[in-house]
Amino acid sequence: EKEDRPAIRKEDFILDKLNNETIYQLPGLINEQQFIVQNCNNCITYVLDHTDQIQVDDCTNCQILIGPAHGSIFIQDSTNCILATVCQLIIESSLYIRFGCLTLSYYKNILFVDKYKV
């Protein structure tokens, strides 16, 4: 017998065309789904849940903090953005990128880091 589960609404996992906003995705909201941030300008985004894959496209002057991701993080055609994340590192075809250490702590963060071995 099939479990009654809420339907996944694609729009709950996409931030699109936002300007000058601060957005929080708290633990339990994404639950290992793909998450997309696109066409945003001057936004601060906190993705504090475990994710499958993150895609950041066509963003300008944004600050994005992403909790542990067990899949890929794609950043394409974005300008003057700051990205802070915990993930396994693979870099392809990128220019002018700087890397540093990230000290991050929030509720459930350590559980995600242990689970995904990042």
PDB file of N, CA and C in Angstrom:
ATOM      1  N   GLU A   1       0.837  -1.182   0.000  1.00  0.00           N
ATOM      2  CA  GLU A   1       0.000   0.000   0.000  1.00  0.00           C
ATOM      3  C   GLU A   1       0.882   1.246   0.000  1.00  0.00           C
ATOM      4  N   LYS A   2       0.500   2.219  -0.777  1.00  0.00           N
ATOM      5  CA  LYS A   2       1.283   3.440  -0.948  1.00  0.00           C
ATOM      6  C   LYS A   2       1.109   4.384   0.245  1.00  0.00           C
ATOM      7  N   GLU A   3       2.235   4.909   0.711  1.00  0.00           N
ATOM      8  CA  GLU A   3       2.218   5.871   1.802  1.00  0.00           C
ATOM      9  C   GLU A   3       1.607   7.184   1.346  1.00  0.00           C
ATOM     10  N   ASP A   4       0.870   7.840   2.236  1.00  0.00           N
ATOM     11  CA  ASP A   4       0.362   9.174   1.925  1.00  0.00           C
ATOM     12  C   ASP A   4       1.455  10.182   2.232  1.00  0.00           C
ATOM     13  N   ARG A   5       2.026  10.738   1.190  1.00  0.00           N
ATOM     14  CA  ARG A   5       3.069  11.745   1.335  1.00  0.00           C
ATOM     15  C   ARG A   5       2.616  13.012   0.634  1.00  0.00           C
ATOM     16  N   PRO A   6       2.995  14.158   1.180  1.00  0.00           N
ATOM     17  CA  PRO A   6       2.631  15.394   0.484  1.00  0.00           C
ATOM     18  C   PRO A   6       3.338  15.466  -0.869  1.00  0.00           C
ATOM     19  N   ALA A   7       2.650  15.981  -1.851  1.00  0.00           N
ATOM     20  CA  ALA A   7       3.240  16.133  -3.184  1.00  0.00           C
ATOM     21  C   ALA A   7       4.364  17.160  -3.127  1.00  0.00           C
ATOM     22  N   ILE A   8       5.407  16.918  -3.901  1.00  0.00           N
ATOM     23  CA  ILE A   8       6.520  17.864  -3.972  1.00  0.00           C
ATOM     24  C   ILE A   8       6.137  18.984  -4.924  1.00  0.00           C
ATOM     25  N   ARG A   9       6.210  20.206  -4.411  1.00  0.00           N
ATOM     26  CA  ARG A   9       5.900  21.377  -5.234  1.00  0.00           C
ATOM     27  C   ARG A   9       7.217  21.979  -5.709  1.00  0.00           C
ATOM     28  N   LYS A  10       7.450  21.913  -7.002  1.00  0.00           N
ATOM     29  CA  LYS A  10       8.702  22.379  -7.594  1.00  0.00           C
ATOM     30  C   LYS A  10       9.034  23.815  -7.182  1.00  0.00           C
ATOM     31  N   GLU A  11       8.036  24.669  -7.104  1.00  0.00           N
ATOM     32  CA  GLU A  11       8.264  26.081  -6.772  1.00  0.00           C
ATOM     33  C   GLU A  11       8.793  26.281  -5.348  1.00  0.00           C
ATOM     34  N   ASP A  12       8.659  25.289  -4.484  1.00  0.00           N
ATOM     35  CA  ASP A  12       9.205  25.386  -3.131  1.00  0.00           C
ATOM     36  C   ASP A  12      10.723  25.242  -3.108  1.00  0.00           C
ATOM     37  N   PHE A  13      11.309  24.836  -4.227  1.00  0.00           N
ATOM     38  CA  PHE A  13      12.741  24.573  -4.297  1.00  0.00           C
ATOM     39  C   PHE A  13      13.451  25.477  -5.298  1.00  0.00           C
ATOM     40  N   ILE A  14      12.810  26.596  -5.656  1.00  0.00           N
ATOM     41  CA  ILE A  14      13.394  27.548  -6.608  1.00  0.00           C
ATOM     42  C   ILE A  14      13.223  28.963  -6.074  1.00  0.00           C
ATOM     43  N   LEU A  15      14.325  29.706  -6.026  1.00  0.00           N
ATOM     44  CA  LEU A  15      14.273  31.142  -5.760  1.00  0.00           C
ATOM     45  C   LEU A  15      14.568  31.822  -7.085  1.00  0.00           C
ATOM     46  N   ASP A  16      13.634  32.605  -7.593  1.00  0.00           N
ATOM     47  CA  ASP A  16      13.778  33.181  -8.929  1.00  0.00           C
ATOM     48  C   ASP A  16      13.393  34.656  -8.935  1.00  0.00           C
ATOM     49  N   LYS A  17      14.236  35.469  -9.559  1.00  0.00           N
ATOM     50  CA  LYS A  17      13.970  36.890  -9.793  1.00  0.00           C
ATOM     51  C   LYS A  17      13.671  37.661  -8.508  1.00  0.00           C
ATOM     52  N   LEU A  18      14.506  37.446  -7.502  1.00  0.00           N
ATOM     53  CA  LEU A  18      14.356  38.181  -6.252  1.00  0.00           C
ATOM     54  C   LEU A  18      15.371  39.316  -6.219  1.00  0.00           C
ATOM     55  N   ASN A  19      14.987  40.432  -5.600  1.00  0.00           N
ATOM     56  CA  ASN A  19      15.857  41.595  -5.498  1.00  0.00           C
ATOM     57  C   ASN A  19      15.867  42.114  -4.067  1.00  0.00           C
ATOM     58  N   ASN A  20      17.074  42.359  -3.540  1.00  0.00           N
ATOM     59  CA  ASN A  20      17.245  42.987  -2.230  1.00  0.00           C
ATOM     60  C   ASN A  20      16.463  42.280  -1.126  1.00  0.00           C
ATOM     61  N   GLU A  21      16.546  40.958  -1.085  1.00  0.00           N
ATOM     62  CA  GLU A  21      15.830  40.190  -0.069  1.00  0.00           C
ATOM     63  C   GLU A  21      16.799  39.317   0.714  1.00  0.00           C
ATOM     64  N   THR A  22      16.391  38.960   1.927  1.00  0.00           N
ATOM     65  CA  THR A  22      17.091  37.966   2.731  1.00  0.00           C
ATOM     66  C   THR A  22      16.164  36.773   2.858  1.00  0.00           C
ATOM     67  N   ILE A  23      16.648  35.603   2.454  1.00  0.00           N
ATOM     68  CA  ILE A  23      15.823  34.403   2.387  1.00  0.00           C
ATOM     69  C   ILE A  23      16.441  33.325   3.268  1.00  0.00           C
ATOM     70  N   TYR A  24      15.611  32.637   4.052  1.00  0.00           N
ATOM     71  CA  TYR A  24      16.052  31.533   4.901  1.00  0.00           C
ATOM     72  C   TYR A  24      15.347  30.253   4.477  1.00  0.00           C
ATOM     73  N   GLN A  25      16.114  29.209   4.205  1.00  0.00           N
ATOM     74  CA  GLN A  25      15.583  27.858   4.001  1.00  0.00           C
ATOM     75  C   GLN A  25      16.059  27.052   5.206  1.00  0.00           C
ATOM     76  N   LEU A  26      15.194  26.848   6.170  1.00  0.00           N
ATOM     77  CA  LEU A  26      15.558  26.248   7.446  1.00  0.00           C
ATOM     78  C   LEU A  26      15.618  24.722   7.371  1.00  0.00           C
ATOM     79  N   PRO A  27      16.294  24.084   8.350  1.00  0.00           N
ATOM     80  CA  PRO A  27      16.367  22.623   8.354  1.00  0.00           C
ATOM     81  C   PRO A  27      14.973  21.994   8.276  1.00  0.00           C
ATOM     82  N   GLY A  28      14.850  20.986   7.416  1.00  0.00           N
ATOM     83  CA  GLY A  28      13.590  20.276   7.248  1.00  0.00           C
ATOM     84  C   GLY A  28      12.748  20.755   6.083  1.00  0.00           C
ATOM     85  N   LEU A  29      13.140  21.862   5.430  1.00  0.00           N
ATOM     86  CA  LEU A  29      12.339  22.392   4.318  1.00  0.00           C
ATOM     87  C   LEU A  29      12.735  21.820   2.963  1.00  0.00           C
ATOM     88  N   ILE A  30      14.003  21.450   2.792  1.00  0.00           N
ATOM     89  CA  ILE A  30      14.467  20.968   1.485  1.00  0.00           C
ATOM     90  C   ILE A  30      14.585  19.443   1.466  1.00  0.00           C
ATOM     91  N   ASN A  31      15.083  18.870   2.554  1.00  0.00           N
ATOM     92  CA  ASN A  31      15.145  17.407   2.701  1.00  0.00           C
ATOM     93  C   ASN A  31      15.717  16.667   1.500  1.00  0.00           C
ATOM     94  N   GLU A  32      16.950  16.980   1.158  1.00  0.00           N
ATOM     95  CA  GLU A  32      17.703  16.275   0.113  1.00  0.00           C
ATOM     96  C   GLU A  32      17.174  16.481  -1.305  1.00  0.00           C
ATOM     97  N   GLN A  33      16.412  17.516  -1.539  1.00  0.00           N
ATOM     98  CA  GLN A  33      15.947  17.821  -2.892  1.00  0.00           C
ATOM     99  C   GLN A  33      16.963  18.740  -3.580  1.00  0.00           C
ATOM    100  N   GLN A  34      16.846  18.864  -4.884  1.00  0.00           N
ATOM    101  CA  GLN A  34      17.632  19.840  -5.625  1.00  0.00           C
ATOM    102  C   GLN A  34      17.083  21.218  -5.281  1.00  0.00           C
ATOM    103  N   PHE A  35      17.978  22.216  -5.212  1.00  0.00           N
ATOM    104  CA  PHE A  35      17.555  23.581  -4.903  1.00  0.00           C
ATOM    105  C   PHE A  35      18.196  24.524  -5.907  1.00  0.00           C
ATOM    106  N   ILE A  36      17.423  25.484  -6.419  1.00  0.00           N
ATOM    107  CA  ILE A  36      17.896  26.392  -7.465  1.00  0.00           C
ATOM    108  C   ILE A  36      17.736  27.840  -7.007  1.00  0.00           C
ATOM    109  N   VAL A  37      18.793  28.629  -7.196  1.00  0.00           N
ATOM    110  CA  VAL A  37      18.760  30.075  -6.983  1.00  0.00           C
ATOM    111  C   VAL A  37      19.105  30.685  -8.332  1.00  0.00           C
ATOM    112  N   GLN A  38      18.183  31.473  -8.905  1.00  0.00           N
ATOM    113  CA  GLN A  38      18.445  32.009 -10.245  1.00  0.00           C
ATOM    114  C   GLN A  38      17.884  33.420 -10.405  1.00  0.00           C
ATOM    115  N   ASN A  39      18.598  34.198 -11.210  1.00  0.00           N
ATOM    116  CA  ASN A  39      18.164  35.546 -11.580  1.00  0.00           C
ATOM    117  C   ASN A  39      17.911  36.437 -10.369  1.00  0.00           C
ATOM    118  N   CYS A  40      18.737  36.298  -9.341  1.00  0.00           N
ATOM    119  CA  CYS A  40      18.583  37.108  -8.136  1.00  0.00           C
ATOM    120  C   CYS A  40      19.631  38.221  -8.119  1.00  0.00           C
ATOM    121  N   ASN A  41      19.288  39.328  -7.461  1.00  0.00           N
ATOM    122  CA  ASN A  41      20.162  40.486  -7.412  1.00  0.00           C
ATOM    123  C   ASN A  41      20.188  41.045  -5.985  1.00  0.00           C
ATOM    124  N   ASN A  42      21.390  41.237  -5.444  1.00  0.00           N
ATOM    125  CA  ASN A  42      21.571  41.813  -4.110  1.00  0.00           C
ATOM    126  C   ASN A  42      20.797  41.071  -3.027  1.00  0.00           C
ATOM    127  N   CYS A  43      20.805  39.760  -3.063  1.00  0.00           N
ATOM    128  CA  CYS A  43      20.096  38.952  -2.064  1.00  0.00           C
ATOM    129  C   CYS A  43      21.080  38.252  -1.138  1.00  0.00           C
ATOM    130  N   ILE A  44      20.612  37.976   0.056  1.00  0.00           N
ATOM    131  CA  ILE A  44      21.342  37.146   1.008  1.00  0.00           C
ATOM    132  C   ILE A  44      20.490  35.904   1.212  1.00  0.00           C
ATOM    133  N   THR A  45      21.069  34.739   0.935  1.00  0.00           N
ATOM    134  CA  THR A  45      20.312  33.489   0.996  1.00  0.00           C
ATOM    135  C   THR A  45      21.002  32.508   1.930  1.00  0.00           C
ATOM    136  N   TYR A  46      20.242  31.968   2.872  1.00  0.00           N
ATOM    137  CA  TYR A  46      20.728  30.954   3.800  1.00  0.00           C
ATOM    138  C   TYR A  46      19.999  29.648   3.500  1.00  0.00           C
ATOM    139  N   VAL A  47      20.720  28.647   3.014  1.00  0.00           N
ATOM    140  CA  VAL A  47      20.152  27.315   2.784  1.00  0.00           C
ATOM    141  C   VAL A  47      20.704  26.430   3.903  1.00  0.00           C
ATOM    142  N   LEU A  48      19.938  26.278   4.977  1.00  0.00           N
ATOM    143  CA  LEU A  48      20.418  25.612   6.189  1.00  0.00           C
ATOM    144  C   LEU A  48      19.857  24.201   6.322  1.00  0.00           C
ATOM    145  N   ASP A  49      19.689  23.532   5.218  1.00  0.00           N
ATOM    146  CA  ASP A  49      19.171  22.169   5.200  1.00  0.00           C
ATOM    147  C   ASP A  49      20.098  21.312   4.352  1.00  0.00           C
ATOM    148  N   HIS A  50      20.011  20.010   4.485  1.00  0.00           N
ATOM    149  CA  HIS A  50      20.821  19.122   3.644  1.00  0.00           C
ATOM    150  C   HIS A  50      20.177  19.051   2.259  1.00  0.00           C
ATOM    151  N   THR A  51      21.020  19.137   1.241  1.00  0.00           N
ATOM    152  CA  THR A  51      20.533  19.209  -0.137  1.00  0.00           C
ATOM    153  C   THR A  51      21.188  18.141  -0.996  1.00  0.00           C
ATOM    154  N   ASP A  52      20.524  17.843  -2.083  1.00  0.00           N
ATOM    155  CA  ASP A  52      21.085  16.922  -3.066  1.00  0.00           C
ATOM    156  C   ASP A  52      22.024  17.691  -3.983  1.00  0.00           C
ATOM    157  N   GLN A  53      21.498  18.658  -4.663  1.00  0.00           N
ATOM    158  CA  GLN A  53      22.263  19.440  -5.632  1.00  0.00           C
ATOM    159  C   GLN A  53      21.794  20.884  -5.539  1.00  0.00           C
ATOM    160  N   ILE A  54      22.734  21.800  -5.683  1.00  0.00           N
ATOM    161  CA  ILE A  54      22.415  23.224  -5.683  1.00  0.00           C
ATOM    162  C   ILE A  54      22.843  23.800  -7.017  1.00  0.00           C
ATOM    163  N   GLN A  55      22.006  24.655  -7.565  1.00  0.00           N
ATOM    164  CA  GLN A  55      22.329  25.330  -8.813  1.00  0.00           C
ATOM    165  C   GLN A  55      22.119  26.824  -8.601  1.00  0.00           C
ATOM    166  N   VAL A  56      23.154  27.621  -8.892  1.00  0.00           N
ATOM    167  CA  VAL A  56      23.090  29.075  -8.795  1.00  0.00           C
ATOM    168  C   VAL A  56      23.356  29.614 -10.192  1.00  0.00           C
ATOM    169  N   ASP A  57      22.369  30.272 -10.782  1.00  0.00           N
ATOM    170  CA  ASP A  57      22.480  30.770 -12.158  1.00  0.00           C
ATOM    171  C   ASP A  57      22.120  32.246 -12.247  1.00  0.00           C
ATOM    172  N   ASP A  58      22.918  32.987 -12.990  1.00  0.00           N
ATOM    173  CA  ASP A  58      22.607  34.376 -13.342  1.00  0.00           C
ATOM    174  C   ASP A  58      22.275  35.245 -12.133  1.00  0.00           C
ATOM    175  N   CYS A  59      23.069  35.135 -11.083  1.00  0.00           N
ATOM    176  CA  CYS A  59      22.879  35.964  -9.898  1.00  0.00           C
ATOM    177  C   CYS A  59      23.953  37.050  -9.864  1.00  0.00           C
ATOM    178  N   THR A  60      23.616  38.197  -9.286  1.00  0.00           N
ATOM    179  CA  THR A  60      24.538  39.320  -9.210  1.00  0.00           C
ATOM    180  C   THR A  60      24.541  39.884  -7.792  1.00  0.00           C
ATOM    181  N   ASN A  61      25.742  40.124  -7.257  1.00  0.00           N
ATOM    182  CA  ASN A  61      25.917  40.741  -5.942  1.00  0.00           C
ATOM    183  C   ASN A  61      25.158  40.016  -4.837  1.00  0.00           C
ATOM    184  N   CYS A  62      25.170  38.705  -4.859  1.00  0.00           N
ATOM    185  CA  CYS A  62      24.458  37.910  -3.855  1.00  0.00           C
ATOM    186  C   CYS A  62      25.434  37.256  -2.886  1.00  0.00           C
ATOM    187  N   GLN A  63      24.963  37.015  -1.674  1.00  0.00           N
ATOM    188  CA  GLN A  63      25.694  36.247  -0.679  1.00  0.00           C
ATOM    189  C   GLN A  63      24.857  35.005  -0.395  1.00  0.00           C
ATOM    190  N   ILE A  64      25.462  33.833  -0.582  1.00  0.00           N
ATOM    191  CA  ILE A  64      24.716  32.583  -0.462  1.00  0.00           C
ATOM    192  C   ILE A  64      25.467  31.645   0.470  1.00  0.00           C
ATOM    193  N   LEU A  65      24.804  31.222   1.536  1.00  0.00           N
ATOM    194  CA  LEU A  65      25.368  30.249   2.454  1.00  0.00           C
ATOM    195  C   LEU A  65      24.588  28.951   2.272  1.00  0.00           C
ATOM    196  N   ILE A  66      25.300  27.871   1.980  1.00  0.00           N
ATOM    197  CA  ILE A  66      24.674  26.577   1.731  1.00  0.00           C
ATOM    198  C   ILE A  66      25.209  25.573   2.744  1.00  0.00           C
ATOM    199  N   GLY A  67      24.302  24.929   3.469  1.00  0.00           N
ATOM    200  CA  GLY A  67      24.688  23.867   4.397  1.00  0.00           C
ATOM    201  C   GLY A  67      25.208  22.670   3.626  1.00  0.00           C
ATOM    202  N   PRO A  68      25.548  21.592   4.301  1.00  0.00           N
ATOM    203  CA  PRO A  68      26.153  20.429   3.649  1.00  0.00           C
ATOM    204  C   PRO A  68      25.356  19.910   2.455  1.00  0.00           C
ATOM    205  N   ALA A  69      26.047  19.746   1.345  1.00  0.00           N
ATOM    206  CA  ALA A  69      25.443  19.209   0.119  1.00  0.00           C
ATOM    207  C   ALA A  69      26.138  17.899  -0.209  1.00  0.00           C
ATOM    208  N   HIS A  70      25.382  16.849  -0.423  1.00  0.00           N
ATOM    209  CA  HIS A  70      26.024  15.577  -0.759  1.00  0.00           C
ATOM    210  C   HIS A  70      26.128  15.381  -2.261  1.00  0.00           C
ATOM    211  N   GLY A  71      25.575  16.305  -3.034  1.00  0.00           N
ATOM    212  CA  GLY A  71      25.714  16.266  -4.486  1.00  0.00           C
ATOM    213  C   GLY A  71      26.543  17.441  -4.957  1.00  0.00           C
ATOM    214  N   SER A  72      26.320  17.847  -6.168  1.00  0.00           N
ATOM    215  CA  SER A  72      27.102  18.919  -6.789  1.00  0.00           C
ATOM    216  C   SER A  72      26.525  20.292  -6.485  1.00  0.00           C
ATOM    217  N   ILE A  73      27.404  21.286  -6.565  1.00  0.00           N
ATOM    218  CA  ILE A  73      26.995  22.682  -6.497  1.00  0.00           C
ATOM    219  C   ILE A  73      27.461  23.325  -7.790  1.00  0.00           C
ATOM    220  N   PHE A  74      26.514  23.801  -8.578  1.00  0.00           N
ATOM    221  CA  PHE A  74      26.814  24.424  -9.868  1.00  0.00           C
ATOM    222  C   PHE A  74      26.589  25.924  -9.759  1.00  0.00           C
ATOM    223  N   ILE A  75      27.578  26.704 -10.193  1.00  0.00           N
ATOM    224  CA  ILE A  75      27.460  28.156 -10.226  1.00  0.00           C
ATOM    225  C   ILE A  75      27.748  28.578 -11.653  1.00  0.00           C
ATOM    226  N   GLN A  76      26.771  29.203 -12.297  1.00  0.00           N
ATOM    227  CA  GLN A  76      26.929  29.557 -13.703  1.00  0.00           C
ATOM    228  C   GLN A  76      26.494  31.001 -13.951  1.00  0.00           C
ATOM    229  N   ASP A  77      27.267  31.699 -14.746  1.00  0.00           N
ATOM    230  CA  ASP A  77      26.927  33.044 -15.213  1.00  0.00           C
ATOM    231  C   ASP A  77      26.531  33.990 -14.088  1.00  0.00           C
ATOM    232  N   SER A  78      27.196  33.890 -12.955  1.00  0.00           N
ATOM    233  CA  SER A  78      26.925  34.771 -11.822  1.00  0.00           C
ATOM    234  C   SER A  78      28.093  35.726 -11.638  1.00  0.00           C
ATOM    235  N   THR A  79      27.806  36.922 -11.105  1.00  0.00           N
ATOM    236  CA  THR A  79      28.799  37.977 -10.996  1.00  0.00           C
ATOM    237  C   THR A  79      28.848  38.530  -9.578  1.00  0.00           C
ATOM    238  N   ASN A  80      30.064  38.712  -9.066  1.00  0.00           N
ATOM    239  CA  ASN A  80      30.299  39.360  -7.782  1.00  0.00           C
ATOM    240  C   ASN A  80      29.488  38.737  -6.647  1.00  0.00           C
ATOM    241  N   CYS A  81      29.483  37.427  -6.572  1.00  0.00           N
ATOM    242  CA  CYS A  81      28.755  36.712  -5.522  1.00  0.00           C
ATOM    243  C   CYS A  81      29.726  36.088  -4.531  1.00  0.00           C
ATOM    244  N   ILE A  82      29.272  35.932  -3.305  1.00  0.00           N
ATOM    245  CA  ILE A  82      30.027  35.238  -2.275  1.00  0.00           C
ATOM    246  C   ILE A  82      29.258  33.966  -1.946  1.00  0.00           C
ATOM    247  N   LEU A  83      29.942  32.835  -2.017  1.00  0.00           N
ATOM    248  CA  LEU A  83      29.336  31.542  -1.726  1.00  0.00           C
ATOM    249  C   LEU A  83      30.104  30.886  -0.590  1.00  0.00           C
ATOM    250  N   ALA A  84      29.399  30.491   0.455  1.00  0.00           N
ATOM    251  CA  ALA A  84      29.995  29.753   1.566  1.00  0.00           C
ATOM    252  C   ALA A  84      29.257  28.428   1.662  1.00  0.00           C
ATOM    253  N   THR A  85      30.009  27.316   1.630  1.00  0.00           N
ATOM    254  CA  THR A  85      29.358  26.013   1.626  1.00  0.00           C
ATOM    255  C   THR A  85      30.253  24.932   2.202  1.00  0.00           C
ATOM    256  N   VAL A  86      29.641  23.794   2.476  1.00  0.00           N
ATOM    257  CA  VAL A  86      30.341  22.590   2.901  1.00  0.00           C
ATOM    258  C   VAL A  86      29.996  21.525   1.875  1.00  0.00           C
ATOM    259  N   CYS A  87      31.009  21.097   1.112  1.00  0.00           N
ATOM    260  CA  CYS A  87      30.755  20.097   0.067  1.00  0.00           C
ATOM    261  C   CYS A  87      32.070  19.418  -0.302  1.00  0.00           C
ATOM    262  N   GLN A  88      31.976  18.400  -1.116  1.00  0.00           N
ATOM    263  CA  GLN A  88      33.174  17.801  -1.678  1.00  0.00           C
ATOM    264  C   GLN A  88      33.565  18.645  -2.883  1.00  0.00           C
ATOM    265  N   LEU A  89      34.834  18.886  -3.032  1.00  0.00           N
ATOM    266  CA  LEU A  89      35.313  19.870  -3.991  1.00  0.00           C
ATOM    267  C   LEU A  89      35.608  19.284  -5.368  1.00  0.00           C
ATOM    268  N   ILE A  90      34.981  19.839  -6.370  1.00  0.00           N
ATOM    269  CA  ILE A  90      35.314  19.579  -7.771  1.00  0.00           C
ATOM    270  C   ILE A  90      35.126  20.908  -8.488  1.00  0.00           C
ATOM    271  N   ILE A  91      36.139  21.333  -9.201  1.00  0.00           N
ATOM    272  CA  ILE A  91      36.069  22.617  -9.904  1.00  0.00           C
ATOM    273  C   ILE A  91      36.337  22.379 -11.371  1.00  0.00           C
ATOM    274  N   GLU A  92      35.481  22.940 -12.196  1.00  0.00           N
ATOM    275  CA  GLU A  92      35.658  22.817 -13.640  1.00  0.00           C
ATOM    276  C   GLU A  92      35.552  24.194 -14.283  1.00  0.00           C
ATOM    277  N   SER A  93      36.470  24.523 -15.138  1.00  0.00           N
ATOM    278  CA  SER A  93      36.397  25.706 -15.995  1.00  0.00           C
ATOM    279  C   SER A  93      35.987  26.976 -15.260  1.00  0.00           C
ATOM    280  N   SER A  94      36.764  27.383 -14.279  1.00  0.00           N
ATOM    281  CA  SER A  94      36.441  28.584 -13.522  1.00  0.00           C
ATOM    282  C   SER A  94      37.648  29.509 -13.466  1.00  0.00           C
ATOM    283  N   LEU A  95      37.383  30.798 -13.371  1.00  0.00           N
ATOM    284  CA  LEU A  95      38.429  31.810 -13.286  1.00  0.00           C
ATOM    285  C   LEU A  95      38.193  32.701 -12.075  1.00  0.00           C
ATOM    286  N   TYR A  96      39.278  33.216 -11.517  1.00  0.00           N
ATOM    287  CA  TYR A  96      39.231  34.221 -10.459  1.00  0.00           C
ATOM    288  C   TYR A  96      38.405  33.776  -9.255  1.00  0.00           C
ATOM    289  N   ILE A  97      38.667  32.590  -8.767  1.00  0.00           N
ATOM    290  CA  ILE A  97      37.968  32.072  -7.598  1.00  0.00           C
ATOM    291  C   ILE A  97      38.943  32.037  -6.431  1.00  0.00           C
ATOM    292  N   ARG A  98      38.477  32.458  -5.261  1.00  0.00           N
ATOM    293  CA  ARG A  98      39.276  32.387  -4.044  1.00  0.00           C
ATOM    294  C   ARG A  98      38.601  31.424  -3.076  1.00  0.00           C
ATOM    295  N   PHE A  99      39.419  30.677  -2.328  1.00  0.00           N
ATOM    296  CA  PHE A  99      38.899  29.706  -1.375  1.00  0.00           C
ATOM    297  C   PHE A  99      39.408  30.027   0.014  1.00  0.00           C
ATOM    298  N   GLY A 100      38.610  29.700   1.013  1.00  0.00           N
ATOM    299  CA  GLY A 100      39.014  29.886   2.396  1.00  0.00           C
ATOM    300  C   GLY A 100      38.286  28.897   3.284  1.00  0.00           C
ATOM    301  N   CYS A 101      38.611  28.943   4.564  1.00  0.00           N
ATOM    302  CA  CYS A 101      37.970  28.053   5.529  1.00  0.00           C
ATOM    303  C   CYS A 101      36.607  28.606   5.927  1.00  0.00           C
ATOM    304  N   LEU A 102      35.709  27.705   6.269  1.00  0.00           N
ATOM    305  CA  LEU A 102      34.369  28.093   6.702  1.00  0.00           C
ATOM    306  C   LEU A 102      34.116  27.498   8.080  1.00  0.00           C
ATOM    307  N   THR A 103      33.825  28.357   9.037  1.00  0.00           N
ATOM    308  CA  THR A 103      33.407  27.918  10.358  1.00  0.00           C
ATOM    309  C   THR A 103      31.919  28.191  10.447  1.00  0.00           C
ATOM    310  N   LEU A 104      31.145  27.123  10.605  1.00  0.00           N
ATOM    311  CA  LEU A 104      29.694  27.259  10.534  1.00  0.00           C
ATOM    312  C   LEU A 104      29.057  26.330  11.552  1.00  0.00           C
ATOM    313  N   SER A 105      28.125  26.852  12.316  1.00  0.00           N
ATOM    314  CA  SER A 105      27.413  26.025  13.275  1.00  0.00           C
ATOM    315  C   SER A 105      25.971  26.493  13.362  1.00  0.00           C
ATOM    316  N   TYR A 106      25.056  25.549  13.227  1.00  0.00           N
ATOM    317  CA  TYR A 106      23.640  25.818  13.447  1.00  0.00           C
ATOM    318  C   TYR A 106      22.961  24.507  13.783  1.00  0.00           C
ATOM    319  N   TYR A 107      21.770  24.572  14.245  1.00  0.00           N
ATOM    320  CA  TYR A 107      21.019  23.390  14.666  1.00  0.00           C
ATOM    321  C   TYR A 107      20.994  22.337  13.566  1.00  0.00           C
ATOM    322  N   LYS A 108      21.370  21.128  13.892  1.00  0.00           N
ATOM    323  CA  LYS A 108      21.420  19.959  13.006  1.00  0.00           C
ATOM    324  C   LYS A 108      22.591  19.960  12.024  1.00  0.00           C
ATOM    325  N   ASN A 109      23.397  21.001  11.963  1.00  0.00           N
ATOM    326  CA  ASN A 109      24.500  21.055  11.008  1.00  0.00           C
ATOM    327  C   ASN A 109      25.448  19.871  11.161  1.00  0.00           C
ATOM    328  N   ILE A 110      25.832  19.544  12.377  1.00  0.00           N
ATOM    329  CA  ILE A 110      26.804  18.469  12.583  1.00  0.00           C
ATOM    330  C   ILE A 110      26.248  17.123  12.124  1.00  0.00           C
ATOM    331  N   LEU A 111      24.946  16.915  12.262  1.00  0.00           N
ATOM    332  CA  LEU A 111      24.335  15.668  11.782  1.00  0.00           C
ATOM    333  C   LEU A 111      24.469  15.547  10.273  1.00  0.00           C
ATOM    334  N   PHE A 112      24.255  16.651   9.559  1.00  0.00           N
ATOM    335  CA  PHE A 112      24.359  16.641   8.103  1.00  0.00           C
ATOM    336  C   PHE A 112      25.796  16.387   7.659  1.00  0.00           C
ATOM    337  N   VAL A 113      26.752  17.035   8.313  1.00  0.00           N
ATOM    338  CA  VAL A 113      28.162  16.880   7.952  1.00  0.00           C
ATOM    339  C   VAL A 113      28.593  15.427   8.132  1.00  0.00           C
ATOM    340  N   ASP A 114      28.216  14.825   9.246  1.00  0.00           N
ATOM    341  CA  ASP A 114      28.563  13.417   9.483  1.00  0.00           C
ATOM    342  C   ASP A 114      27.895  12.495   8.468  1.00  0.00           C
ATOM    343  N   LYS A 115      26.630  12.718   8.185  1.00  0.00           N
ATOM    344  CA  LYS A 115      25.884  11.848   7.270  1.00  0.00           C
ATOM    345  C   LYS A 115      26.472  11.856   5.866  1.00  0.00           C
ATOM    346  N   TYR A 116      26.867  13.034   5.370  1.00  0.00           N
ATOM    347  CA  TYR A 116      27.329  13.149   3.990  1.00  0.00           C
ATOM    348  C   TYR A 116      28.837  13.107   3.846  1.00  0.00           C
ATOM    349  N   LYS A 117      29.558  12.982   4.961  1.00  0.00           N
ATOM    350  CA  LYS A 117      31.017  12.847   4.929  1.00  0.00           C
ATOM    351  C   LYS A 117      31.698  13.993   4.181  1.00  0.00           C
ATOM    352  N   VAL A 118      31.233  15.206   4.434  1.00  0.00           N
ATOM    353  CA  VAL A 118      31.857  16.374   3.798  1.00  0.00           C
ATOM    354  C   VAL A 118      32.682  17.130   4.810  1.00  0.00           C
TER     355      VAL A 118
END
